[in-house]
Amino acid sequence: MTKHRSTGPKSDNLPPVVRWLLSEVERASSAGPAVRWLLSELERASSAVPASPKDERARYIYILVALSKFVRKVGGTLEQSRHICELAQLLEDLDYGIVGRALEPTPFGQGKTGDSSLVWEARGCVAMGLEALIRLGKSRQDAADSALQDFPGISRLMSGKSKKNPVAGMLSWHDELLRWKAGKGRIKNRYLASTFDIGAEFLEQCVGDTLLRRFAQIHFVRASRI
């Protein structure tokens, strides 16, 4: 009985780029179960509602541990996953009042260092959301009132005097956006400036009421997660 030879090209005869693509596809298919496991773990951590800063820290620890296990599941070495594990351990040490060297803040001179970059990024999201509502025809006051009513989590972004008047705090963040748009003054926090840069670009692409409402909702939701 005559054997039929395969007419397909041998891997050695394929162009280097094609061989690389095939190897990447093979790696991705073999890593599929590990990727699905990781996404499941991330969803579990992300959906939990923290009741305290300690619980919020536990969320990050859980995610880091999952990432470390994922590296090992897809063939990574212990050395490659070591730093992920060590960061989780450093965060856990904070529960016992121990601050590892990697988490020690850099000396910043005299005075208050201010709020975290995550908080300022969220405040930038609020400002962008307000701008979208204003473009829908709302006044600044009405936009802030409705946003705070629909997304009460925004109140967690307040500090100092704004805790007593959250709407005034929100409008002050929108003032920062207006000054930035007019080129007046420098935004000190780079994450706030980045939020304005990216948000303004996407906002200009929102043509029509539906897209503006969606833009506002997305930004208020992001801000409420802090």
N, C-alpha and C. Protein backbone atom coordinates (compact mmCIF):
# COMPACT_ATOMS: atom_id res chain seq x y z
N MET A 1 0.85 -1.20 0.00
CA MET A 1 0.00 0.00 0.00
C MET A 1 0.89 1.24 0.00
N THR A 2 0.59 2.15 -0.90
CA THR A 2 1.41 3.34 -1.03
C THR A 2 1.07 4.35 0.05
N LYS A 3 2.11 4.85 0.70
CA LYS A 3 1.90 5.87 1.72
C LYS A 3 1.95 7.25 1.07
N HIS A 4 0.98 8.09 1.47
CA HIS A 4 0.93 9.44 0.93
C HIS A 4 1.68 10.38 1.86
N ARG A 5 2.62 11.10 1.28
CA ARG A 5 3.36 12.05 2.07
C ARG A 5 2.56 13.33 2.25
N SER A 6 2.77 13.97 3.39
CA SER A 6 2.08 15.23 3.65
C SER A 6 2.58 16.29 2.68
N THR A 7 1.63 17.06 2.14
CA THR A 7 1.98 18.12 1.20
C THR A 7 2.23 19.44 1.90
N GLY A 8 2.02 19.46 3.22
CA GLY A 8 2.23 20.70 3.97
C GLY A 8 3.71 21.00 4.10
N PRO A 9 4.04 22.26 4.24
CA PRO A 9 5.45 22.65 4.35
C PRO A 9 6.03 22.23 5.68
N LYS A 10 7.29 21.82 5.67
CA LYS A 10 7.97 21.50 6.90
C LYS A 10 8.26 22.78 7.67
N SER A 11 8.29 22.67 9.00
CA SER A 11 8.51 23.87 9.81
C SER A 11 9.86 24.51 9.50
N ASP A 12 10.85 23.67 9.11
CA ASP A 12 12.17 24.22 8.80
C ASP A 12 12.15 25.07 7.55
N ASN A 13 11.16 24.82 6.68
CA ASN A 13 11.09 25.56 5.42
C ASN A 13 10.27 26.84 5.52
N LEU A 14 9.64 27.06 6.68
CA LEU A 14 8.80 28.23 6.85
C LEU A 14 9.64 29.46 7.15
N PRO A 15 9.13 30.63 6.75
CA PRO A 15 9.84 31.88 7.10
C PRO A 15 9.92 32.03 8.61
N PRO A 16 10.96 32.68 9.13
CA PRO A 16 11.13 32.85 10.58
C PRO A 16 9.92 33.47 11.27
N VAL A 17 9.30 34.46 10.62
CA VAL A 17 8.16 35.13 11.23
C VAL A 17 6.99 34.16 11.40
N VAL A 18 6.77 33.33 10.39
CA VAL A 18 5.67 32.36 10.46
C VAL A 18 5.95 31.32 11.55
N ARG A 19 7.21 30.86 11.63
CA ARG A 19 7.56 29.90 12.68
C ARG A 19 7.31 30.49 14.06
N TRP A 20 7.67 31.78 14.20
CA TRP A 20 7.46 32.45 15.50
C TRP A 20 5.97 32.54 15.83
N LEU A 21 5.15 32.90 14.82
CA LEU A 21 3.71 33.01 15.06
C LEU A 21 3.11 31.66 15.46
N LEU A 22 3.54 30.59 14.78
CA LEU A 22 3.04 29.27 15.11
C LEU A 22 3.44 28.86 16.52
N SER A 23 4.66 29.19 16.91
CA SER A 23 5.11 28.85 18.26
C SER A 23 4.31 29.62 19.30
N GLU A 24 3.97 30.90 18.99
CA GLU A 24 3.17 31.70 19.93
C GLU A 24 1.76 31.14 20.06
N VAL A 25 1.18 30.71 18.95
CA VAL A 25 -0.16 30.11 18.99
C VAL A 25 -0.14 28.83 19.83
N GLU A 26 0.90 28.02 19.65
CA GLU A 26 1.02 26.78 20.42
C GLU A 26 1.16 27.08 21.91
N ARG A 27 1.97 28.07 22.23
CA ARG A 27 2.14 28.44 23.64
C ARG A 27 0.84 28.96 24.23
N ALA A 28 0.11 29.79 23.46
CA ALA A 28 -1.14 30.36 23.96
C ALA A 28 -2.19 29.28 24.22
N SER A 29 -2.25 28.28 23.32
CA SER A 29 -3.25 27.22 23.49
C SER A 29 -2.92 26.35 24.69
N SER A 30 -1.63 26.12 24.94
CA SER A 30 -1.25 25.30 26.09
C SER A 30 -1.44 26.05 27.39
N ALA A 31 -1.37 27.38 27.33
CA ALA A 31 -1.54 28.19 28.54
C ALA A 31 -3.00 28.54 28.79
N GLY A 32 -3.89 28.12 27.90
CA GLY A 32 -5.31 28.47 28.02
C GLY A 32 -5.92 28.20 29.39
N PRO A 33 -5.81 26.97 29.93
CA PRO A 33 -6.39 26.70 31.26
C PRO A 33 -5.82 27.59 32.35
N ALA A 34 -4.52 27.88 32.27
CA ALA A 34 -3.90 28.74 33.28
C ALA A 34 -4.42 30.16 33.18
N VAL A 35 -4.63 30.64 31.95
CA VAL A 35 -5.16 31.99 31.76
C VAL A 35 -6.58 32.08 32.30
N ARG A 36 -7.39 31.06 32.01
CA ARG A 36 -8.78 31.06 32.52
C ARG A 36 -8.80 31.02 34.04
N TRP A 37 -7.90 30.25 34.63
CA TRP A 37 -7.80 30.19 36.10
C TRP A 37 -7.44 31.56 36.65
N LEU A 38 -6.46 32.22 36.02
CA LEU A 38 -6.04 33.54 36.50
C LEU A 38 -7.18 34.55 36.40
N LEU A 39 -7.89 34.56 35.29
CA LEU A 39 -9.00 35.49 35.13
C LEU A 39 -10.08 35.25 36.17
N SER A 40 -10.31 33.98 36.50
CA SER A 40 -11.29 33.64 37.54
C SER A 40 -10.86 34.19 38.90
N GLU A 41 -9.57 34.05 39.21
CA GLU A 41 -9.04 34.56 40.48
C GLU A 41 -9.11 36.08 40.53
N LEU A 42 -8.79 36.73 39.41
CA LEU A 42 -8.86 38.19 39.36
C LEU A 42 -10.29 38.68 39.52
N GLU A 43 -11.23 37.98 38.91
CA GLU A 43 -12.63 38.35 39.05
C GLU A 43 -13.09 38.21 40.49
N ARG A 44 -12.66 37.15 41.16
CA ARG A 44 -13.02 36.94 42.56
C ARG A 44 -12.49 38.07 43.43
N ALA A 45 -11.25 38.47 43.18
CA ALA A 45 -10.65 39.54 43.98
C ALA A 45 -11.30 40.89 43.67
N SER A 46 -11.59 41.13 42.40
CA SER A 46 -12.13 42.43 41.99
C SER A 46 -13.56 42.64 42.45
N SER A 47 -14.32 41.57 42.55
CA SER A 47 -15.74 41.69 42.90
C SER A 47 -15.96 41.84 44.40
N ALA A 48 -14.95 41.56 45.21
CA ALA A 48 -15.10 41.68 46.66
C ALA A 48 -15.18 43.16 47.05
N VAL A 49 -16.02 43.47 48.02
CA VAL A 49 -16.17 44.85 48.49
C VAL A 49 -15.42 44.99 49.81
N PRO A 50 -14.30 45.70 49.83
CA PRO A 50 -13.52 45.83 51.07
C PRO A 50 -14.23 46.69 52.10
N ALA A 51 -14.16 46.26 53.35
CA ALA A 51 -14.80 47.01 54.44
C ALA A 51 -13.81 47.89 55.17
N SER A 52 -12.52 47.74 54.89
CA SER A 52 -11.49 48.51 55.59
C SER A 52 -10.24 48.54 54.74
N PRO A 53 -9.30 49.46 55.06
CA PRO A 53 -8.02 49.48 54.32
C PRO A 53 -7.30 48.14 54.39
N LYS A 54 -7.41 47.43 55.52
CA LYS A 54 -6.77 46.12 55.64
C LYS A 54 -7.36 45.14 54.65
N ASP A 55 -8.71 45.18 54.49
CA ASP A 55 -9.35 44.30 53.51
C ASP A 55 -8.94 44.66 52.09
N GLU A 56 -8.79 45.95 51.83
CA GLU A 56 -8.36 46.38 50.51
C GLU A 56 -6.95 45.87 50.21
N ARG A 57 -6.10 45.90 51.23
CA ARG A 57 -4.74 45.39 51.08
C ARG A 57 -4.78 43.89 50.81
N ALA A 58 -5.68 43.19 51.47
CA ALA A 58 -5.81 41.75 51.27
C ALA A 58 -6.18 41.43 49.83
N ARG A 59 -6.96 42.32 49.20
CA ARG A 59 -7.31 42.13 47.79
C ARG A 59 -6.06 42.11 46.93
N TYR A 60 -5.16 43.07 47.14
CA TYR A 60 -3.93 43.14 46.35
C TYR A 60 -3.01 41.95 46.64
N ILE A 61 -2.98 41.53 47.88
CA ILE A 61 -2.17 40.36 48.24
C ILE A 61 -2.68 39.13 47.50
N TYR A 62 -4.00 38.96 47.48
CA TYR A 62 -4.62 37.82 46.80
C TYR A 62 -4.26 37.84 45.31
N ILE A 63 -4.33 39.02 44.68
CA ILE A 63 -4.02 39.14 43.26
C ILE A 63 -2.56 38.81 42.99
N LEU A 64 -1.67 39.30 43.84
CA LEU A 64 -0.25 39.03 43.65
C LEU A 64 0.08 37.55 43.80
N VAL A 65 -0.54 36.91 44.77
CA VAL A 65 -0.32 35.48 44.96
C VAL A 65 -0.82 34.71 43.73
N ALA A 66 -1.99 35.13 43.21
CA ALA A 66 -2.53 34.48 42.00
C ALA A 66 -1.58 34.66 40.82
N LEU A 67 -1.03 35.85 40.66
CA LEU A 67 -0.09 36.10 39.57
C LEU A 67 1.16 35.25 39.70
N SER A 68 1.63 35.10 40.95
CA SER A 68 2.81 34.27 41.18
C SER A 68 2.54 32.82 40.80
N LYS A 69 1.38 32.32 41.18
CA LYS A 69 1.02 30.94 40.83
C LYS A 69 0.87 30.79 39.31
N PHE A 70 0.34 31.82 38.66
CA PHE A 70 0.14 31.77 37.21
C PHE A 70 1.49 31.64 36.49
N VAL A 71 2.47 32.42 36.95
CA VAL A 71 3.81 32.34 36.35
C VAL A 71 4.34 30.92 36.40
N ARG A 72 4.13 30.25 37.53
CA ARG A 72 4.60 28.87 37.67
C ARG A 72 3.78 27.91 36.80
N LYS A 73 2.47 28.18 36.68
CA LYS A 73 1.60 27.29 35.89
C LYS A 73 1.97 27.31 34.41
N VAL A 74 2.45 28.45 33.91
CA VAL A 74 2.79 28.54 32.49
C VAL A 74 4.26 28.27 32.22
N GLY A 75 4.94 27.72 33.23
CA GLY A 75 6.31 27.28 33.01
C GLY A 75 7.39 28.22 33.51
N GLY A 76 7.00 29.27 34.22
CA GLY A 76 7.99 30.18 34.77
C GLY A 76 8.76 29.55 35.91
N THR A 77 9.93 30.09 36.18
CA THR A 77 10.77 29.55 37.24
C THR A 77 10.42 30.20 38.58
N LEU A 78 10.93 29.61 39.64
CA LEU A 78 10.73 30.18 40.98
C LEU A 78 11.34 31.58 41.05
N GLU A 79 12.48 31.76 40.41
CA GLU A 79 13.13 33.06 40.43
C GLU A 79 12.28 34.11 39.72
N GLN A 80 11.61 33.71 38.65
CA GLN A 80 10.77 34.65 37.91
C GLN A 80 9.53 35.07 38.69
N SER A 81 9.05 34.20 39.57
CA SER A 81 7.86 34.52 40.35
C SER A 81 8.19 35.05 41.74
N ARG A 82 9.48 35.05 42.08
CA ARG A 82 9.88 35.38 43.45
C ARG A 82 9.49 36.80 43.85
N HIS A 83 9.75 37.78 42.99
CA HIS A 83 9.50 39.16 43.36
C HIS A 83 8.01 39.45 43.52
N ILE A 84 7.17 38.74 42.78
CA ILE A 84 5.73 38.91 42.95
C ILE A 84 5.31 38.43 44.33
N CYS A 85 5.84 37.27 44.72
CA CYS A 85 5.53 36.72 46.05
C CYS A 85 6.05 37.63 47.16
N GLU A 86 7.26 38.14 46.95
CA GLU A 86 7.86 38.98 47.99
C GLU A 86 7.07 40.28 48.17
N LEU A 87 6.53 40.82 47.09
CA LEU A 87 5.70 42.03 47.22
C LEU A 87 4.44 41.73 48.02
N ALA A 88 3.84 40.56 47.80
CA ALA A 88 2.67 40.15 48.58
C ALA A 88 3.04 40.05 50.06
N GLN A 89 4.21 39.49 50.35
CA GLN A 89 4.65 39.36 51.74
C GLN A 89 4.89 40.73 52.37
N LEU A 90 5.45 41.66 51.60
CA LEU A 90 5.68 43.01 52.11
C LEU A 90 4.36 43.69 52.46
N LEU A 91 3.35 43.49 51.64
CA LEU A 91 2.04 44.07 51.93
C LEU A 91 1.42 43.44 53.17
N GLU A 92 1.59 42.13 53.29
CA GLU A 92 1.02 41.44 54.46
C GLU A 92 1.71 41.89 55.74
N ASP A 93 3.01 42.20 55.68
CA ASP A 93 3.73 42.67 56.85
C ASP A 93 3.13 43.96 57.41
N LEU A 94 2.52 44.76 56.53
CA LEU A 94 1.92 46.01 56.99
C LEU A 94 0.80 45.76 58.01
N ASP A 95 0.15 44.59 57.93
CA ASP A 95 -0.89 44.24 58.89
C ASP A 95 -0.32 44.11 60.30
N TYR A 96 0.99 43.90 60.40
CA TYR A 96 1.64 43.73 61.70
C TYR A 96 2.54 44.93 62.04
N GLY A 97 2.34 46.02 61.30
CA GLY A 97 3.11 47.22 61.58
C GLY A 97 4.53 47.20 61.07
N ILE A 98 4.85 46.26 60.20
CA ILE A 98 6.22 46.13 59.67
C ILE A 98 6.25 46.73 58.28
N VAL A 99 7.15 47.68 58.07
CA VAL A 99 7.29 48.34 56.76
C VAL A 99 8.62 47.92 56.14
N GLY A 100 8.54 47.11 55.11
CA GLY A 100 9.76 46.66 54.42
C GLY A 100 10.44 47.81 53.69
N ARG A 101 11.71 47.64 53.39
CA ARG A 101 12.47 48.71 52.76
C ARG A 101 11.87 49.15 51.43
N ALA A 102 11.35 48.20 50.67
CA ALA A 102 10.78 48.55 49.36
C ALA A 102 9.54 49.43 49.48
N LEU A 103 8.88 49.41 50.63
CA LEU A 103 7.66 50.20 50.82
C LEU A 103 7.88 51.47 51.63
N GLU A 104 9.11 51.71 52.03
CA GLU A 104 9.39 52.94 52.77
C GLU A 104 9.29 54.14 51.83
N PRO A 105 8.53 55.17 52.22
CA PRO A 105 8.40 56.34 51.34
C PRO A 105 9.70 57.11 51.22
N THR A 106 9.90 57.69 50.05
CA THR A 106 11.07 58.51 49.82
C THR A 106 10.91 59.84 50.57
N PRO A 107 11.94 60.30 51.28
CA PRO A 107 11.85 61.59 51.98
C PRO A 107 11.45 62.70 51.01
N PHE A 108 10.49 63.51 51.43
CA PHE A 108 9.92 64.51 50.53
C PHE A 108 10.04 65.92 51.09
N GLY A 109 10.91 66.10 52.05
CA GLY A 109 11.08 67.43 52.62
C GLY A 109 10.01 67.76 53.64
N GLN A 110 9.85 69.04 53.91
CA GLN A 110 8.91 69.50 54.92
C GLN A 110 7.50 69.57 54.35
N GLY A 111 6.54 69.53 55.26
CA GLY A 111 5.15 69.71 54.85
C GLY A 111 4.45 68.42 54.48
N LYS A 112 3.18 68.55 54.16
CA LYS A 112 2.33 67.41 53.82
C LYS A 112 2.60 66.95 52.39
N THR A 113 2.66 65.64 52.20
CA THR A 113 2.93 65.10 50.87
C THR A 113 1.67 65.04 50.00
N GLY A 114 0.50 65.12 50.59
CA GLY A 114 -0.73 65.11 49.80
C GLY A 114 -1.33 63.72 49.69
N ASP A 115 -2.43 63.66 48.94
CA ASP A 115 -3.15 62.40 48.77
C ASP A 115 -2.47 61.52 47.72
N SER A 116 -2.86 60.24 47.72
CA SER A 116 -2.22 59.29 46.83
C SER A 116 -2.57 59.59 45.37
N SER A 117 -1.73 59.08 44.47
CA SER A 117 -1.95 59.28 43.03
C SER A 117 -3.24 58.60 42.57
N LEU A 118 -3.59 57.47 43.21
CA LEU A 118 -4.84 56.80 42.85
C LEU A 118 -6.04 57.69 43.14
N VAL A 119 -5.98 58.40 44.27
CA VAL A 119 -7.07 59.31 44.64
C VAL A 119 -7.15 60.46 43.64
N TRP A 120 -6.01 61.02 43.28
CA TRP A 120 -6.02 62.13 42.33
C TRP A 120 -6.47 61.69 40.95
N GLU A 121 -6.10 60.49 40.56
CA GLU A 121 -6.57 59.95 39.28
C GLU A 121 -8.09 59.82 39.29
N ALA A 122 -8.64 59.35 40.41
CA ALA A 122 -10.09 59.22 40.54
C ALA A 122 -10.76 60.59 40.51
N ARG A 123 -10.16 61.57 41.15
CA ARG A 123 -10.71 62.93 41.12
C ARG A 123 -10.73 63.48 39.70
N GLY A 124 -9.69 63.13 38.95
CA GLY A 124 -9.67 63.53 37.54
C GLY A 124 -10.82 62.89 36.77
N CYS A 125 -11.14 61.65 37.09
CA CYS A 125 -12.28 60.97 36.45
C CYS A 125 -13.58 61.69 36.77
N VAL A 126 -13.72 62.15 38.02
CA VAL A 126 -14.93 62.89 38.41
C VAL A 126 -15.03 64.17 37.58
N ALA A 127 -13.91 64.88 37.46
CA ALA A 127 -13.90 66.13 36.69
C ALA A 127 -14.30 65.89 35.23
N MET A 128 -13.78 64.80 34.65
CA MET A 128 -14.13 64.49 33.26
C MET A 128 -15.60 64.12 33.13
N GLY A 129 -16.12 63.37 34.11
CA GLY A 129 -17.53 63.01 34.10
C GLY A 129 -18.42 64.23 34.21
N LEU A 130 -18.03 65.18 35.06
CA LEU A 130 -18.81 66.42 35.19
C LEU A 130 -18.80 67.20 33.88
N GLU A 131 -17.66 67.25 33.23
CA GLU A 131 -17.57 67.96 31.96
C GLU A 131 -18.51 67.36 30.93
N ALA A 132 -18.63 66.04 30.93
CA ALA A 132 -19.55 65.39 29.99
C ALA A 132 -21.00 65.77 30.30
N LEU A 133 -21.37 65.77 31.59
CA LEU A 133 -22.73 66.15 31.96
C LEU A 133 -23.03 67.60 31.63
N ILE A 134 -22.04 68.46 31.80
CA ILE A 134 -22.21 69.88 31.47
C ILE A 134 -22.45 70.05 29.97
N ARG A 135 -21.76 69.24 29.18
CA ARG A 135 -21.97 69.30 27.72
C ARG A 135 -23.35 68.79 27.33
N LEU A 136 -23.96 68.05 28.23
CA LEU A 136 -25.34 67.60 28.00
C LEU A 136 -26.36 68.68 28.36
N GLY A 137 -25.88 69.80 28.90
CA GLY A 137 -26.78 70.90 29.22
C GLY A 137 -27.00 71.15 30.69
N LYS A 138 -26.41 70.34 31.56
CA LYS A 138 -26.58 70.53 33.00
C LYS A 138 -25.70 71.69 33.47
N SER A 139 -26.13 72.36 34.53
CA SER A 139 -25.26 73.33 35.17
C SER A 139 -24.19 72.59 35.96
N ARG A 140 -23.13 73.27 36.32
CA ARG A 140 -22.08 72.62 37.10
C ARG A 140 -22.63 72.08 38.42
N GLN A 141 -23.45 72.88 39.08
CA GLN A 141 -24.03 72.46 40.36
C GLN A 141 -24.90 71.23 40.20
N ASP A 142 -25.78 71.25 39.19
CA ASP A 142 -26.68 70.11 38.96
C ASP A 142 -25.88 68.86 38.58
N ALA A 143 -24.84 69.05 37.79
CA ALA A 143 -24.02 67.90 37.38
C ALA A 143 -23.37 67.26 38.59
N ALA A 144 -22.82 68.07 39.49
CA ALA A 144 -22.17 67.54 40.68
C ALA A 144 -23.19 66.88 41.62
N ASP A 145 -24.34 67.53 41.79
CA ASP A 145 -25.38 66.97 42.67
C ASP A 145 -25.84 65.61 42.18
N SER A 146 -26.13 65.50 40.88
CA SER A 146 -26.64 64.24 40.34
C SER A 146 -25.57 63.15 40.38
N ALA A 147 -24.31 63.51 40.11
CA ALA A 147 -23.22 62.52 40.14
C ALA A 147 -23.04 61.97 41.55
N LEU A 148 -23.08 62.84 42.54
CA LEU A 148 -22.90 62.39 43.92
C LEU A 148 -24.07 61.54 44.39
N GLN A 149 -25.27 61.86 43.90
CA GLN A 149 -26.45 61.07 44.28
C GLN A 149 -26.41 59.69 43.65
N ASP A 150 -26.00 59.62 42.39
CA ASP A 150 -25.98 58.34 41.68
C ASP A 150 -24.75 57.49 42.03
N PHE A 151 -23.68 58.16 42.43
CA PHE A 151 -22.43 57.45 42.75
C PHE A 151 -21.89 57.96 44.09
N PRO A 152 -22.53 57.56 45.19
CA PRO A 152 -22.13 58.07 46.51
C PRO A 152 -20.70 57.71 46.91
N GLY A 153 -20.12 56.70 46.25
CA GLY A 153 -18.74 56.33 46.55
C GLY A 153 -17.75 57.44 46.26
N ILE A 154 -18.16 58.43 45.46
CA ILE A 154 -17.29 59.56 45.16
C ILE A 154 -16.91 60.31 46.44
N SER A 155 -17.78 60.25 47.44
CA SER A 155 -17.52 60.98 48.69
C SER A 155 -16.26 60.49 49.39
N ARG A 156 -15.81 59.27 49.07
CA ARG A 156 -14.58 58.76 49.69
C ARG A 156 -13.33 59.48 49.20
N LEU A 157 -13.46 60.25 48.15
CA LEU A 157 -12.33 60.97 47.59
C LEU A 157 -12.10 62.31 48.28
N MET A 158 -12.98 62.66 49.19
CA MET A 158 -12.88 63.97 49.84
C MET A 158 -11.83 63.97 50.95
N SER A 159 -11.25 65.13 51.15
CA SER A 159 -10.33 65.31 52.26
C SER A 159 -10.45 66.74 52.76
N GLY A 160 -10.07 66.96 54.01
CA GLY A 160 -10.11 68.31 54.57
C GLY A 160 -11.50 68.91 54.57
N LYS A 161 -11.61 70.15 54.12
CA LYS A 161 -12.88 70.88 54.15
C LYS A 161 -13.92 70.28 53.21
N SER A 162 -13.46 69.60 52.15
CA SER A 162 -14.41 69.06 51.18
C SER A 162 -15.26 67.94 51.76
N LYS A 163 -14.84 67.36 52.90
CA LYS A 163 -15.65 66.32 53.53
C LYS A 163 -16.99 66.89 53.99
N LYS A 164 -16.99 68.16 54.36
CA LYS A 164 -18.23 68.79 54.81
C LYS A 164 -19.08 69.28 53.64
N ASN A 165 -18.44 69.49 52.50
CA ASN A 165 -19.16 69.97 51.32
C ASN A 165 -18.62 69.25 50.08
N PRO A 166 -19.05 68.00 49.89
CA PRO A 166 -18.51 67.21 48.78
C PRO A 166 -18.71 67.84 47.41
N VAL A 167 -19.85 68.48 47.21
CA VAL A 167 -20.12 69.08 45.90
C VAL A 167 -19.09 70.17 45.59
N ALA A 168 -18.76 70.97 46.60
CA ALA A 168 -17.75 72.01 46.40
C ALA A 168 -16.40 71.38 46.05
N GLY A 169 -16.09 70.25 46.68
CA GLY A 169 -14.85 69.55 46.35
C GLY A 169 -14.84 69.06 44.92
N MET A 170 -15.97 68.52 44.47
CA MET A 170 -16.06 68.04 43.09
C MET A 170 -15.90 69.19 42.10
N LEU A 171 -16.51 70.32 42.41
CA LEU A 171 -16.41 71.47 41.51
C LEU A 171 -14.98 72.03 41.49
N SER A 172 -14.26 71.89 42.60
CA SER A 172 -12.86 72.34 42.61
C SER A 172 -12.01 71.47 41.69
N TRP A 173 -12.33 70.18 41.59
CA TRP A 173 -11.60 69.31 40.67
C TRP A 173 -11.92 69.68 39.23
N HIS A 174 -13.19 70.06 38.99
CA HIS A 174 -13.56 70.50 37.65
C HIS A 174 -12.88 71.83 37.32
N ASP A 175 -12.69 72.68 38.33
CA ASP A 175 -11.93 73.92 38.13
C ASP A 175 -10.51 73.62 37.67
N GLU A 176 -9.92 72.57 38.25
CA GLU A 176 -8.57 72.15 37.84
C GLU A 176 -8.56 71.78 36.36
N LEU A 177 -9.61 71.09 35.92
CA LEU A 177 -9.72 70.69 34.52
C LEU A 177 -9.83 71.92 33.63
N LEU A 178 -10.64 72.90 34.05
CA LEU A 178 -10.82 74.10 33.24
C LEU A 178 -9.52 74.90 33.14
N ARG A 179 -8.77 74.98 34.25
CA ARG A 179 -7.48 75.68 34.21
C ARG A 179 -6.51 74.94 33.30
N TRP A 180 -6.55 73.61 33.36
CA TRP A 180 -5.67 72.80 32.50
C TRP A 180 -6.00 73.03 31.03
N LYS A 181 -7.30 73.06 30.70
CA LYS A 181 -7.72 73.28 29.32
C LYS A 181 -7.30 74.65 28.82
N ALA A 182 -7.33 75.64 29.72
CA ALA A 182 -6.97 77.00 29.33
C ALA A 182 -5.46 77.24 29.35
N GLY A 183 -4.71 76.24 29.80
CA GLY A 183 -3.26 76.39 29.86
C GLY A 183 -2.80 77.27 31.00
N LYS A 184 -3.64 77.38 32.03
CA LYS A 184 -3.30 78.24 33.17
C LYS A 184 -2.89 77.37 34.36
N GLY A 185 -1.66 77.46 34.74
CA GLY A 185 -1.20 76.69 35.89
C GLY A 185 -0.73 75.30 35.49
N ARG A 186 0.09 74.73 36.32
CA ARG A 186 0.66 73.40 36.07
C ARG A 186 0.02 72.39 37.02
N ILE A 187 -0.39 71.23 36.48
CA ILE A 187 -0.95 70.16 37.29
C ILE A 187 0.20 69.45 38.00
N LYS A 188 0.23 69.51 39.31
CA LYS A 188 1.35 68.94 40.06
C LYS A 188 1.37 67.42 40.01
N ASN A 189 0.19 66.79 40.10
CA ASN A 189 0.16 65.33 40.11
C ASN A 189 0.11 64.80 38.69
N ARG A 190 1.10 64.00 38.31
CA ARG A 190 1.20 63.53 36.93
C ARG A 190 0.05 62.60 36.55
N TYR A 191 -0.52 61.89 37.55
CA TYR A 191 -1.62 60.98 37.23
C TYR A 191 -2.90 61.77 36.95
N LEU A 192 -3.09 62.87 37.66
CA LEU A 192 -4.22 63.75 37.36
C LEU A 192 -4.07 64.35 35.97
N ALA A 193 -2.86 64.81 35.65
CA ALA A 193 -2.62 65.38 34.32
C ALA A 193 -2.84 64.34 33.23
N SER A 194 -2.40 63.10 33.48
CA SER A 194 -2.59 62.03 32.50
C SER A 194 -4.07 61.72 32.30
N THR A 195 -4.84 61.74 33.39
CA THR A 195 -6.27 61.50 33.30
C THR A 195 -6.94 62.57 32.44
N PHE A 196 -6.52 63.82 32.62
CA PHE A 196 -7.06 64.91 31.80
C PHE A 196 -6.66 64.73 30.34
N ASP A 197 -5.41 64.37 30.09
CA ASP A 197 -4.92 64.19 28.71
C ASP A 197 -5.74 63.14 27.97
N ILE A 198 -5.85 61.97 28.59
CA ILE A 198 -6.54 60.85 27.94
C ILE A 198 -8.05 61.11 27.87
N GLY A 199 -8.60 61.60 29.00
CA GLY A 199 -10.04 61.83 29.05
C GLY A 199 -10.50 62.87 28.04
N ALA A 200 -9.74 63.95 27.91
CA ALA A 200 -10.12 65.01 26.97
C ALA A 200 -10.12 64.51 25.54
N GLU A 201 -9.15 63.66 25.22
CA GLU A 201 -9.08 63.11 23.86
C GLU A 201 -10.31 62.26 23.55
N PHE A 202 -10.71 61.41 24.50
CA PHE A 202 -11.87 60.56 24.27
C PHE A 202 -13.17 61.37 24.31
N LEU A 203 -13.21 62.39 25.16
CA LEU A 203 -14.42 63.20 25.27
C LEU A 203 -14.75 63.89 23.96
N GLU A 204 -13.72 64.34 23.25
CA GLU A 204 -13.95 65.02 21.97
C GLU A 204 -14.53 64.07 20.93
N GLN A 205 -14.39 62.77 21.14
CA GLN A 205 -14.93 61.79 20.20
C GLN A 205 -16.37 61.41 20.54
N CYS A 206 -16.86 61.90 21.66
CA CYS A 206 -18.23 61.56 22.09
C CYS A 206 -19.22 62.52 21.44
N VAL A 207 -19.75 62.09 20.32
CA VAL A 207 -20.71 62.90 19.58
C VAL A 207 -22.12 62.40 19.89
N GLY A 208 -22.93 63.24 20.48
CA GLY A 208 -24.30 62.84 20.80
C GLY A 208 -24.49 62.57 22.28
N ASP A 209 -25.74 62.68 22.71
CA ASP A 209 -26.07 62.55 24.13
C ASP A 209 -25.76 61.16 24.69
N THR A 210 -26.01 60.13 23.90
CA THR A 210 -25.81 58.76 24.39
C THR A 210 -24.36 58.52 24.76
N LEU A 211 -23.44 58.92 23.90
CA LEU A 211 -22.02 58.71 24.16
C LEU A 211 -21.54 59.57 25.33
N LEU A 212 -22.08 60.78 25.44
CA LEU A 212 -21.68 61.64 26.56
C LEU A 212 -22.14 61.05 27.89
N ARG A 213 -23.36 60.53 27.92
CA ARG A 213 -23.86 59.90 29.16
C ARG A 213 -23.02 58.68 29.52
N ARG A 214 -22.70 57.89 28.50
CA ARG A 214 -21.89 56.69 28.74
C ARG A 214 -20.50 57.08 29.24
N PHE A 215 -19.92 58.11 28.66
CA PHE A 215 -18.61 58.60 29.08
C PHE A 215 -18.65 59.01 30.55
N ALA A 216 -19.67 59.77 30.92
CA ALA A 216 -19.79 60.22 32.30
C ALA A 216 -19.94 59.04 33.25
N GLN A 217 -20.79 58.09 32.89
CA GLN A 217 -21.03 56.92 33.74
C GLN A 217 -19.75 56.13 33.96
N ILE A 218 -19.01 55.88 32.90
CA ILE A 218 -17.77 55.11 33.01
C ILE A 218 -16.79 55.79 33.96
N HIS A 219 -16.66 57.09 33.85
CA HIS A 219 -15.70 57.82 34.68
C HIS A 219 -16.15 57.90 36.14
N PHE A 220 -17.44 58.04 36.37
CA PHE A 220 -17.93 58.07 37.75
C PHE A 220 -17.78 56.69 38.41
N VAL A 221 -18.03 55.64 37.64
CA VAL A 221 -17.85 54.29 38.17
C VAL A 221 -16.39 54.06 38.56
N ARG A 222 -15.48 54.45 37.69
CA ARG A 222 -14.04 54.30 37.99
C ARG A 222 -13.67 55.06 39.26
N ALA A 223 -14.20 56.27 39.37
CA ALA A 223 -13.88 57.08 40.55
C ALA A 223 -14.44 56.49 41.83
N SER A 224 -15.56 55.81 41.73
CA SER A 224 -16.23 55.25 42.92
C SER A 224 -15.55 54.01 43.46
N ARG A 225 -14.63 53.44 42.69
CA ARG A 225 -13.99 52.18 43.09
C ARG A 225 -12.80 52.39 44.04
N ILE A 226 -12.41 53.62 44.24
CA ILE A 226 -11.27 53.88 45.13
C ILE A 226 -11.66 53.64 46.58
